């Protein structure tokens, strides 16, 4: 499962035993059923997921692979509409459209608009 991208739609109702105890508090704050993680390691009891610069050890029960995103965290992209340079800060999964969407930062300010691959040059 290494180097696969996927979602980890965990909620507290799934149980705290799915998250490594040392990572639980930070993962609980990060958890979002739309975030796209990169699985970077398989351990004996846990897989390691990376989201931007953060690492989380979780049981693989809920990990669902999705295609690799076209743009990775920290990638500089140009927005078609206004030709502004932006940095990818979040990668999300659209369940209905079955595609990635992104949140970006422009001039160190995070935008609230969601961007699809097609909206970048």
Protein backbone atom coordinates (compact mmCIF):
# COMPACT_ATOMS: atom_id res chain seq x y z
CA UNK A 1 0.00 0.00 0.00
CA UNK A 2 3.06 2.29 0.09
CA UNK A 3 2.88 5.41 -2.07
CA UNK A 4 -0.84 5.04 -2.67
CA UNK A 5 -3.18 7.94 -2.26
CA UNK A 6 -6.49 7.56 -0.51
CA UNK A 7 -9.08 8.84 1.88
CA UNK A 8 -9.43 7.83 5.52
CA UNK A 9 -13.02 8.68 6.48
CA UNK A 10 -12.60 8.24 10.23
CA UNK A 11 -14.98 9.66 12.82
CA UNK A 12 -14.92 9.18 16.58
CA UNK A 13 -17.76 6.67 16.24
CA UNK A 14 -15.36 4.33 14.41
CA UNK A 15 -13.35 3.99 17.61
CA UNK A 16 -10.10 5.40 18.93
CA UNK A 17 -8.36 2.05 18.51
CA UNK A 18 -7.96 2.72 14.77
CA UNK A 19 -5.54 5.60 15.44
CA UNK A 20 -2.13 5.15 17.07
CA UNK A 21 -2.35 6.50 20.65
CA UNK A 22 0.58 8.91 20.08
CA UNK A 23 -1.13 10.37 17.00
CA UNK A 24 -4.72 10.38 18.23
CA UNK A 25 -5.07 14.00 19.43
CA UNK A 26 -3.58 15.56 16.31
CA UNK A 27 -5.37 13.19 13.94
CA UNK A 28 -8.68 13.86 15.67
CA UNK A 29 -8.26 17.56 14.84
CA UNK A 30 -7.14 16.79 11.26
CA UNK A 31 -9.77 14.15 10.50
CA UNK A 32 -12.02 14.96 7.58
CA UNK A 33 -13.65 12.37 5.37
CA UNK A 34 -12.66 14.27 2.20
CA UNK A 35 -8.92 14.72 2.83
CA UNK A 36 -6.60 12.81 0.53
CA UNK A 37 -3.63 11.22 2.29
CA UNK A 38 -0.56 9.53 0.89
CA UNK A 39 0.17 6.12 2.41
CA UNK A 40 3.94 6.10 2.83
CA UNK A 41 4.56 3.00 4.97
CA UNK A 42 3.08 -0.30 6.08
CA UNK A 43 3.90 -1.30 9.62
CA UNK A 44 3.00 -4.42 11.54
CA UNK A 45 -0.05 -2.85 13.19
CA UNK A 46 -0.44 0.50 11.43
CA UNK A 47 0.01 2.18 8.09
CA UNK A 48 1.55 5.66 8.01
CA UNK A 49 -0.42 8.36 6.23
CA UNK A 50 1.04 11.71 5.23
CA UNK A 51 -1.05 14.83 4.84
CA UNK A 52 1.02 17.81 3.75
CA UNK A 53 3.85 17.77 6.35
CA UNK A 54 2.03 15.71 8.97
CA UNK A 55 2.28 11.97 9.58
CA UNK A 56 -0.33 9.73 11.19
CA UNK A 57 -0.27 6.03 12.07
CA UNK A 58 -3.66 4.41 11.59
CA UNK A 59 -5.08 0.92 11.10
CA UNK A 60 -5.74 0.22 7.46
CA UNK A 61 -9.45 -0.67 7.98
CA UNK A 62 -10.83 2.60 6.60
CA UNK A 63 -8.17 3.46 4.02
CA UNK A 64 -9.79 3.69 0.57
CA UNK A 65 -7.48 4.27 -2.41
CA UNK A 66 -8.20 7.07 -4.88
CA UNK A 67 -6.18 8.08 -7.95
CA UNK A 68 -3.04 10.12 -7.33
CA UNK A 69 -3.75 13.85 -7.51
CA UNK A 70 -2.35 15.83 -10.41
CA UNK A 71 -0.89 18.39 -7.99
CA UNK A 72 0.89 17.65 -4.72
CA UNK A 73 1.15 19.66 -1.50
CA UNK A 74 3.34 22.74 -1.84
CA UNK A 75 3.16 22.72 -5.65
CA UNK A 76 3.03 26.17 -7.23
CA UNK A 77 0.19 26.42 -9.73
CA UNK A 78 -1.26 29.24 -11.81
CA UNK A 79 -4.99 29.92 -11.54
CA UNK A 80 -6.47 30.25 -15.05
CA UNK A 81 -9.09 32.86 -14.19
CA UNK A 82 -6.82 35.56 -12.78
CA UNK A 83 -3.33 34.24 -13.68
CA UNK A 84 -2.28 34.35 -10.00
CA UNK A 85 0.35 31.99 -8.66
CA UNK A 86 -0.94 29.82 -5.83
CA UNK A 87 0.40 27.05 -3.59
CA UNK A 88 -1.53 23.82 -3.02
CA UNK A 89 -2.32 23.61 0.72
CA UNK A 90 -5.06 20.95 0.84
CA UNK A 91 -6.04 18.03 -1.37
CA UNK A 92 -9.60 16.77 -1.04
CA UNK A 93 -11.82 14.15 -2.69
CA UNK A 94 -15.20 14.96 -4.22
CA UNK A 95 -17.37 11.89 -3.59
CA UNK A 96 -20.03 12.75 -6.16
CA UNK A 97 -17.72 13.82 -9.01
CA UNK A 98 -15.01 11.24 -8.13
CA UNK A 99 -12.23 13.77 -8.55
CA UNK A 100 -9.79 15.83 -6.54
CA UNK A 101 -10.29 19.39 -5.53
CA UNK A 102 -7.79 21.69 -3.89
CA UNK A 103 -7.48 24.60 -1.54
CA UNK A 104 -4.67 27.04 -2.20
CA UNK A 105 -2.80 29.91 -0.66
CA UNK A 106 -2.10 33.12 -2.60
CA UNK A 107 0.44 35.57 -1.18
CA UNK A 108 0.40 33.61 2.14
CA UNK A 109 -3.38 33.95 2.43
CA UNK A 110 -5.51 30.82 2.25
CA UNK A 111 -8.38 31.02 -0.23
CA UNK A 112 -11.80 29.61 0.69
CA UNK A 113 -12.66 28.65 -2.91
CA UNK A 114 -12.30 25.03 -4.03
CA UNK A 115 -10.32 24.50 -7.22
CA UNK A 116 -10.49 21.59 -9.66
CA UNK A 117 -7.56 20.41 -11.82
CA UNK A 118 -9.12 22.18 -14.82
CA UNK A 119 -8.91 25.57 -13.09
CA UNK A 120 -5.10 25.57 -13.10
CA UNK A 121 -2.86 26.29 -16.08
